[in-house]
Amino acid sequence: MTTISVYVPEASLLCSLSSFTLRPRNSCPTSMRITYIPDRFISSDEWLYGNPVDSMGNKLLMDLPVNYRPPSQLGIAIPVSDNIYNADPSKPRPRQYYQISKNTGTYKQCAGKSSQAECGCTEEMRLSLLAAHSDCRKRVLRFLYPVNNFNITLFLTRPGHDNQLLKAPQFVTVTEVNNRTNWRITGLNSKV
């Protein structure tokens, strides 16, 4: 957004100087998104039902255990994230040894439900990267721990158009949704 003020001398009998102000705004179309696309494209069907592998034959996806909560900076057995993945309220939540773990971790889609079947997860929710749909997420990209060389490449995507590589001078802030800090983004002009 920018502001343009136009001053018109002697346009008013009451004021020696009058003006009007324009505020043009520029924004992307609502259908345009900034999207992370991994080096090897994984289709929706592969995310949901397949077992894609890389050039070395290693699995690219990992199935999460029921009621999975990621480890924290406090340790592997001390989850503190509010996100619960592959949620099933009918089953116990693992790694609830410490009070901080018991006080964190909330169901979103499964809140108030008694089983995974009642959560109403759709295929879109299972594919979603939003924290609001973490209950439905069963599969994730597989990385060796600790992640210290995550090359991120972002694209501008919109329906009916080819994906465009997001290039400098764009700056993107990346926040890890589970508040972990022991990872590092690499790549051309990357900022964390």
Protein backbone atom coordinates (compact mmCIF):
# COMPACT_ATOMS: atom_id res chain seq x y z
CA MET A 1 0.00 0.00 0.00
CA THR A 2 1.20 3.49 -0.71
CA THR A 3 -0.20 6.98 -0.16
CA ILE A 4 -0.39 9.68 -2.82
CA SER A 5 -1.38 13.19 -1.76
CA VAL A 6 -2.33 15.74 -4.39
CA TYR A 7 -2.17 19.42 -3.30
CA VAL A 8 -4.29 21.93 -5.24
CA PRO A 9 -3.37 25.56 -4.47
CA GLU A 10 -6.27 28.03 -4.22
CA ALA A 11 -8.93 25.32 -4.79
CA SER A 12 -10.83 26.46 -1.71
CA LEU A 13 -12.04 29.87 -0.59
CA LEU A 14 -11.48 28.93 3.06
CA CYS A 15 -8.00 27.40 2.83
CA SER A 16 -4.93 28.59 0.99
CA LEU A 17 -3.94 24.98 0.27
CA SER A 18 -6.26 21.96 -0.11
CA SER A 19 -5.47 18.35 -0.95
CA PHE A 20 -6.95 14.94 -1.54
CA THR A 21 -5.28 11.65 -0.77
CA LEU A 22 -5.29 8.37 -2.71
CA ARG A 23 -4.24 5.05 -1.18
CA PRO A 24 -3.65 2.46 -3.92
CA ARG A 25 -3.27 -1.11 -2.65
CA ASN A 26 -1.64 -3.99 -4.43
CA SER A 27 -2.32 -7.59 -3.48
CA CYS A 28 -2.08 -11.06 -4.95
CA PRO A 29 -5.19 -12.75 -6.33
CA THR A 30 -6.92 -14.82 -3.65
CA SER A 31 -6.28 -18.00 -5.66
CA MET A 32 -2.49 -17.47 -5.58
CA ARG A 33 -0.54 -19.30 -2.87
CA ILE A 34 3.06 -19.61 -1.78
CA THR A 35 3.72 -23.34 -1.59
CA TYR A 36 6.63 -25.55 -0.57
CA ILE A 37 7.16 -28.25 -3.18
CA PRO A 38 9.72 -30.92 -2.24
CA ASP A 39 12.56 -31.81 -4.61
CA ARG A 40 10.67 -34.94 -5.61
CA PHE A 41 6.97 -34.18 -6.27
CA ILE A 42 4.60 -36.39 -4.26
CA SER A 43 1.05 -36.64 -5.59
CA SER A 44 -2.03 -36.55 -3.35
CA ASP A 45 -2.63 -40.27 -3.96
CA GLU A 46 0.94 -41.08 -2.91
CA TRP A 47 0.52 -38.95 0.25
CA LEU A 48 -2.64 -40.81 1.19
CA TYR A 49 -2.07 -44.37 -0.04
CA GLY A 50 1.34 -44.82 -1.69
CA ASN A 51 4.89 -45.49 -0.61
CA PRO A 52 7.08 -43.14 -2.70
CA VAL A 53 10.85 -43.59 -2.55
CA ASP A 54 13.82 -41.41 -3.48
CA SER A 55 16.54 -42.26 -6.01
CA MET A 56 18.31 -44.42 -3.39
CA GLY A 57 15.16 -46.44 -2.58
CA ASN A 58 14.56 -44.75 0.79
CA LYS A 59 10.96 -44.08 1.81
CA LEU A 60 9.98 -40.41 1.52
CA LEU A 61 6.96 -40.61 3.85
CA MET A 62 6.57 -41.82 7.40
CA ASP A 63 3.37 -43.05 9.05
CA LEU A 64 2.87 -41.44 12.46
CA PRO A 65 1.75 -43.47 15.47
CA VAL A 66 -1.68 -42.75 16.96
CA ASN A 67 -1.80 -39.56 19.11
CA TYR A 68 1.73 -38.62 18.09
CA ARG A 69 3.24 -35.51 19.62
CA PRO A 70 6.62 -34.30 18.41
CA PRO A 71 9.60 -34.15 20.77
CA SER A 72 10.58 -30.81 22.26
CA GLN A 73 13.79 -29.02 23.19
CA LEU A 74 13.33 -30.57 26.65
CA GLY A 75 13.77 -34.08 25.24
CA ILE A 76 12.23 -36.81 23.09
CA ALA A 77 9.97 -38.06 25.91
CA ILE A 78 8.73 -34.58 26.85
CA PRO A 79 6.29 -33.32 24.21
CA VAL A 80 5.09 -29.75 24.82
CA SER A 81 3.46 -28.90 21.47
CA ASP A 82 -0.28 -28.26 21.39
CA ASN A 83 -0.50 -30.25 18.16
CA ILE A 84 -1.54 -33.90 18.22
CA TYR A 85 -1.12 -35.86 14.98
CA ASN A 86 -3.09 -38.93 13.83
CA ALA A 87 -5.45 -38.28 16.73
CA ASP A 88 -7.70 -40.93 18.25
CA PRO A 89 -9.44 -39.85 21.48
CA SER A 90 -10.32 -43.49 22.28
CA LYS A 91 -6.66 -44.42 22.68
CA PRO A 92 -4.16 -43.27 25.34
CA ARG A 93 -1.76 -40.45 24.65
CA PRO A 94 1.86 -41.68 24.81
CA ARG A 95 4.71 -39.93 26.64
CA GLN A 96 2.57 -38.23 29.30
CA TYR A 97 5.16 -38.68 32.05
CA TYR A 98 5.65 -35.04 33.04
CA GLN A 99 3.13 -32.41 34.08
CA ILE A 100 4.18 -30.06 31.26
CA SER A 101 3.25 -32.80 28.76
CA LYS A 102 -0.08 -33.41 30.47
CA ASN A 103 -0.93 -29.69 30.39
CA THR A 104 -0.22 -29.31 26.66
CA GLY A 105 -1.55 -31.02 23.56
CA THR A 106 -5.13 -30.34 22.56
CA TYR A 107 -7.43 -32.00 20.08
CA LYS A 108 -8.77 -29.73 17.37
CA GLN A 109 -10.84 -31.67 14.86
CA CYS A 110 -11.34 -34.45 17.42
CA ALA A 111 -12.25 -32.16 20.37
CA GLY A 112 -15.21 -33.63 22.23
CA LYS A 113 -15.26 -36.78 20.09
CA SER A 114 -14.93 -40.30 21.47
CA SER A 115 -13.17 -42.00 18.53
CA GLN A 116 -11.14 -41.29 15.41
CA ALA A 117 -14.12 -42.19 13.19
CA GLU A 118 -16.15 -39.34 14.75
CA CYS A 119 -13.49 -36.72 14.01
CA GLY A 120 -14.75 -36.27 10.45
CA CYS A 121 -11.34 -36.02 8.80
CA THR A 122 -11.52 -35.58 5.03
CA GLU A 123 -8.80 -36.32 2.49
CA GLU A 124 -8.15 -32.57 2.21
CA MET A 125 -7.60 -32.38 5.98
CA ARG A 126 -5.25 -35.37 5.87
CA LEU A 127 -3.21 -33.53 3.20
CA SER A 128 -3.37 -30.13 4.90
CA LEU A 129 -0.24 -28.64 6.45
CA LEU A 130 -2.28 -26.32 8.69
CA ALA A 131 -1.93 -26.80 12.45
CA ALA A 132 -5.76 -26.66 12.66
CA HIS A 133 -5.85 -30.02 10.84
CA SER A 134 -3.03 -31.72 12.75
CA ASP A 135 -5.49 -34.24 14.26
CA CYS A 136 -6.10 -35.62 10.77
CA ARG A 137 -2.47 -35.73 9.57
CA LYS A 138 -1.25 -39.35 9.46
CA ARG A 139 1.78 -39.09 7.18
CA VAL A 140 4.72 -36.69 7.05
CA LEU A 141 7.91 -36.22 5.07
CA ARG A 142 10.70 -38.37 6.46
CA PHE A 143 13.93 -36.65 7.56
CA LEU A 144 16.93 -37.86 9.50
CA TYR A 145 17.23 -36.24 12.92
CA PRO A 146 18.53 -33.64 13.59
CA VAL A 147 17.34 -31.69 10.55
CA ASN A 148 20.22 -29.34 9.80
CA ASN A 149 20.13 -29.11 6.03
CA PHE A 150 16.53 -28.50 4.94
CA ASN A 151 16.69 -26.90 1.51
CA ILE A 152 13.44 -24.98 1.08
CA THR A 153 12.19 -23.97 -2.34
CA LEU A 154 8.96 -21.98 -2.53
CA PHE A 155 6.69 -21.56 -5.53
CA LEU A 156 3.83 -19.23 -6.42
CA THR A 157 0.94 -21.49 -7.38
CA ARG A 158 -2.53 -20.81 -8.77
CA PRO A 159 -5.04 -22.93 -10.64
CA GLY A 160 -4.59 -23.09 -14.42
CA HIS A 161 -1.04 -21.69 -14.39
CA ASP A 162 2.44 -23.19 -14.18
CA ASN A 163 4.17 -22.96 -10.81
CA GLN A 164 6.59 -20.03 -10.60
CA LEU A 165 9.75 -20.23 -8.50
CA LEU A 166 9.74 -17.55 -5.78
CA LYS A 167 12.99 -15.63 -6.29
CA ALA A 168 14.81 -12.80 -4.51
CA PRO A 169 14.14 -10.09 -3.37
CA GLN A 170 11.26 -11.90 -1.63
CA PHE A 171 11.76 -12.69 2.06
CA VAL A 172 9.72 -15.34 3.80
CA THR A 173 9.63 -15.97 7.54
CA VAL A 174 9.40 -19.66 8.37
CA THR A 175 8.07 -20.70 11.77
CA GLU A 176 8.11 -24.32 12.94
CA VAL A 177 4.54 -25.08 14.12
CA ASN A 178 5.72 -27.21 17.07
CA ASN A 179 8.13 -24.52 18.35
CA ARG A 180 11.30 -26.56 17.84
CA THR A 181 14.46 -24.65 17.02
CA ASN A 182 17.02 -27.39 16.29
CA TRP A 183 16.69 -27.18 12.51
CA ARG A 184 18.19 -24.93 9.87
CA ILE A 185 16.98 -23.88 6.44
CA THR A 186 19.52 -23.75 3.65
CA GLY A 187 19.33 -22.66 0.07
CA LEU A 188 19.54 -19.57 -2.07
CA ASN A 189 18.69 -16.34 -0.22
CA SER A 190 16.94 -18.20 2.62
CA LYS A 191 16.00 -16.38 5.81
CA VAL A 192 14.65 -17.88 9.03
